[in-house]
Amino acid sequence: MEKWFNVGKIVNTQGIKGEVRVISKTDFPEKRYKVGNVLYLFMPNSNTPIELTVKSHRTHKNFNLLTFEGYYNINEVEKFRDGILKVPESQLEALEEDEFYYHEIIGCLVATTKGEEIGKVTEILSPGANDVWVVKGKGGKDVLIPYIHEVVKKVDVKEKVILIDPMEGLLS
């Protein structure tokens, strides 16, 4: 059975020409939303995905705006609202060393190189120069870990463990 990975959620329409607003959940929007790429739309009460081919892509504020081949106006895409865009595992590409898919990092246990457990990665933020991993720490407090070589020393996605050497003040 094929595994599926979230690319984004259609949250609304944009204009009247069949464009949709997507809140992206993908590590590689430039690849996923490339013109001609096929995405699969899963609607809340359906197990059968709708195959969609990207016709255009642009960004506006925090949204990725997409149109799909064969869908030319707001009436045809309005029904896609709240749908989740996904890709099958077979569409995932091999990554460079020190690159990871979000689904490989989320859920990993984070510990210091001295053996102190920090918590598990619950979310990944992409604010700019580098990703920031949100770790649910002891007592439910979120700890923000920048994904930079000075801090992240080892990532083992098979064992779901990340070792960090925290800078002064990072964990306080």
Protein backbone atom coordinates (compact mmCIF):
# COMPACT_ATOMS: atom_id res chain seq x y z
CA MET A 1 0.00 0.00 0.00
CA GLU A 2 1.34 3.40 -1.00
CA LYS A 3 2.33 5.86 1.75
CA TRP A 4 1.24 9.48 1.22
CA PHE A 5 2.95 12.66 2.39
CA ASN A 6 1.28 16.03 2.96
CA VAL A 7 2.26 18.87 0.67
CA GLY A 8 -0.30 21.45 1.79
CA LYS A 9 -3.90 22.28 2.60
CA ILE A 10 -6.25 24.20 0.33
CA VAL A 11 -7.75 26.85 2.61
CA ASN A 12 -9.60 29.05 0.15
CA THR A 13 -10.00 30.25 -3.40
CA GLN A 14 -8.19 33.32 -4.79
CA GLY A 15 -9.94 35.45 -7.39
CA ILE A 16 -12.38 33.99 -9.91
CA LYS A 17 -10.07 32.18 -12.35
CA GLY A 18 -9.68 28.87 -10.53
CA GLU A 19 -6.76 29.76 -8.27
CA VAL A 20 -6.58 28.23 -4.78
CA ARG A 21 -4.74 29.32 -1.63
CA VAL A 22 -2.54 26.65 -0.11
CA ILE A 23 -0.91 26.64 3.31
CA SER A 24 2.21 24.71 2.47
CA LYS A 25 3.52 21.79 4.54
CA THR A 26 6.25 20.74 2.15
CA ASP A 27 9.99 21.02 2.45
CA PHE A 28 10.36 21.71 -1.29
CA PRO A 29 7.59 24.01 -2.58
CA GLU A 30 9.60 24.84 -5.73
CA LYS A 31 9.56 21.12 -6.69
CA ARG A 32 6.07 20.21 -5.49
CA TYR A 33 4.32 23.17 -7.12
CA LYS A 34 6.34 23.13 -10.35
CA VAL A 35 4.18 23.52 -13.46
CA GLY A 36 3.30 20.03 -14.75
CA ASN A 37 3.80 18.28 -11.40
CA VAL A 38 0.99 15.95 -10.29
CA LEU A 39 -0.49 16.34 -6.81
CA TYR A 40 -3.23 14.26 -5.23
CA LEU A 41 -6.11 15.95 -3.42
CA PHE A 42 -7.67 14.10 -0.49
CA MET A 43 -11.01 15.51 0.64
CA PRO A 44 -12.17 15.11 4.29
CA ASN A 45 -14.88 12.48 3.63
CA SER A 46 -13.33 10.59 0.74
CA ASN A 47 -10.64 7.92 0.44
CA THR A 48 -10.23 8.39 -3.31
CA PRO A 49 -7.74 11.10 -4.24
CA ILE A 50 -8.36 13.55 -7.08
CA GLU A 51 -5.35 13.76 -9.41
CA LEU A 52 -4.43 17.38 -10.17
CA THR A 53 -1.73 18.73 -12.48
CA VAL A 54 -0.20 22.08 -11.52
CA LYS A 55 -0.86 24.70 -14.21
CA SER A 56 0.58 27.73 -12.41
CA HIS A 57 2.21 28.63 -9.11
CA ARG A 58 2.99 31.89 -7.38
CA THR A 59 3.36 33.05 -3.81
CA HIS A 60 1.39 35.78 -2.09
CA LYS A 61 1.93 36.66 1.59
CA ASN A 62 2.19 33.30 3.41
CA PHE A 63 0.27 31.35 0.77
CA ASN A 64 1.19 29.36 -2.29
CA LEU A 65 -1.35 30.12 -5.02
CA LEU A 66 -1.99 27.32 -7.50
CA THR A 67 -4.12 26.66 -10.54
CA PHE A 68 -4.71 23.19 -11.95
CA GLU A 69 -5.13 22.01 -15.53
CA GLY A 70 -8.80 21.63 -16.45
CA TYR A 71 -10.07 23.91 -13.66
CA TYR A 72 -10.64 27.43 -14.95
CA ASN A 73 -12.97 29.22 -12.56
CA ILE A 74 -13.87 29.65 -8.92
CA ASN A 75 -16.95 27.40 -9.19
CA GLU A 76 -14.83 24.40 -10.22
CA VAL A 77 -12.29 24.73 -7.39
CA GLU A 78 -14.48 25.92 -4.53
CA LYS A 79 -15.25 22.29 -3.67
CA PHE A 80 -11.50 21.68 -3.07
CA ARG A 81 -11.50 23.84 0.07
CA ASP A 82 -10.24 21.96 3.18
CA GLY A 83 -8.68 19.29 0.96
CA ILE A 84 -5.15 18.07 1.63
CA LEU A 85 -2.67 17.94 -1.25
CA LYS A 86 -0.36 14.93 -1.04
CA VAL A 87 2.31 13.10 -2.99
CA PRO A 88 2.98 9.35 -2.96
CA GLU A 89 6.18 8.04 -1.43
CA SER A 90 7.34 7.10 -4.94
CA GLN A 91 7.55 10.84 -5.79
CA LEU A 92 10.00 11.57 -2.96
CA GLU A 93 13.51 12.18 -4.22
CA ALA A 94 16.84 11.21 -2.69
CA LEU A 95 18.28 14.06 -0.66
CA GLU A 96 21.79 15.42 -0.23
CA GLU A 97 23.76 14.64 2.91
CA ASP A 98 22.45 16.74 5.84
CA GLU A 99 19.06 17.22 4.11
CA PHE A 100 15.94 15.62 5.54
CA TYR A 101 12.23 15.47 4.85
CA TYR A 102 10.04 17.06 7.53
CA HIS A 103 8.37 13.72 8.26
CA GLU A 104 11.79 12.23 9.08
CA ILE A 105 12.58 14.93 11.67
CA ILE A 106 9.18 15.36 13.35
CA GLY A 107 8.91 12.86 16.19
CA CYS A 108 12.67 12.54 16.72
CA LEU A 109 14.00 12.62 20.28
CA VAL A 110 16.41 15.51 20.85
CA ALA A 111 19.23 15.10 23.40
CA THR A 112 22.43 16.97 24.15
CA THR A 113 25.82 15.46 23.38
CA LYS A 114 26.17 15.09 27.18
CA GLY A 115 23.09 12.80 27.28
CA GLU A 116 20.44 15.20 28.62
CA GLU A 117 17.05 14.57 26.98
CA ILE A 118 15.38 17.75 25.72
CA GLY A 119 12.15 16.39 24.15
CA LYS A 120 10.63 15.48 20.78
CA VAL A 121 10.45 17.56 17.62
CA THR A 122 6.80 18.55 17.06
CA GLU A 123 7.06 21.11 14.27
CA ILE A 124 9.48 22.70 11.82
CA LEU A 125 9.50 26.44 11.14
CA SER A 126 11.15 28.00 8.08
CA PRO A 127 11.57 31.66 9.04
CA GLY A 128 14.50 32.46 6.78
CA ALA A 129 18.16 31.49 6.63
CA ASN A 130 17.73 28.14 8.38
CA ASP A 131 14.96 25.90 9.68
CA VAL A 132 14.03 26.00 13.35
CA TRP A 133 12.92 22.78 15.03
CA VAL A 134 10.24 23.14 17.71
CA VAL A 135 10.90 20.64 20.50
CA LYS A 136 8.26 19.89 23.15
CA GLY A 137 10.44 19.97 26.26
CA LYS A 138 9.96 18.83 29.83
CA GLY A 139 6.93 20.43 31.43
CA GLY A 140 5.38 21.09 28.01
CA LYS A 141 7.63 24.09 27.26
CA ASP A 142 8.64 24.56 23.62
CA VAL A 143 12.37 24.75 22.91
CA LEU A 144 13.47 26.24 19.58
CA ILE A 145 16.51 24.57 18.03
CA PRO A 146 18.11 26.24 15.00
CA TYR A 147 19.14 23.70 12.35
CA ILE A 148 22.75 24.89 12.03
CA HIS A 149 25.98 22.86 12.20
CA GLU A 150 27.14 24.69 15.34
CA VAL A 151 24.13 23.29 17.25
CA VAL A 152 22.91 20.10 15.52
CA LYS A 153 25.72 17.56 15.70
CA LYS A 154 24.07 14.30 14.63
CA VAL A 155 20.74 13.36 13.05
CA ASP A 156 19.82 9.67 12.99
CA VAL A 157 16.44 9.38 11.25
CA LYS A 158 16.46 5.56 11.49
CA GLU A 159 16.79 5.61 15.29
CA LYS A 160 14.74 8.88 15.48
CA VAL A 161 17.44 10.60 17.59
CA ILE A 162 19.03 14.04 17.19
CA LEU A 163 22.10 15.09 19.18
CA ILE A 164 22.71 18.78 19.79
CA ASP A 165 25.45 20.85 21.41
CA PRO A 166 23.39 23.80 22.68
CA MET A 167 24.85 27.30 22.56
CA GLU A 168 24.88 29.21 25.82
CA GLY A 169 21.34 30.33 26.68
CA LEU A 170 19.62 28.11 24.07
CA LEU A 171 17.94 25.84 26.64
CA SER A 172 17.24 28.42 29.35
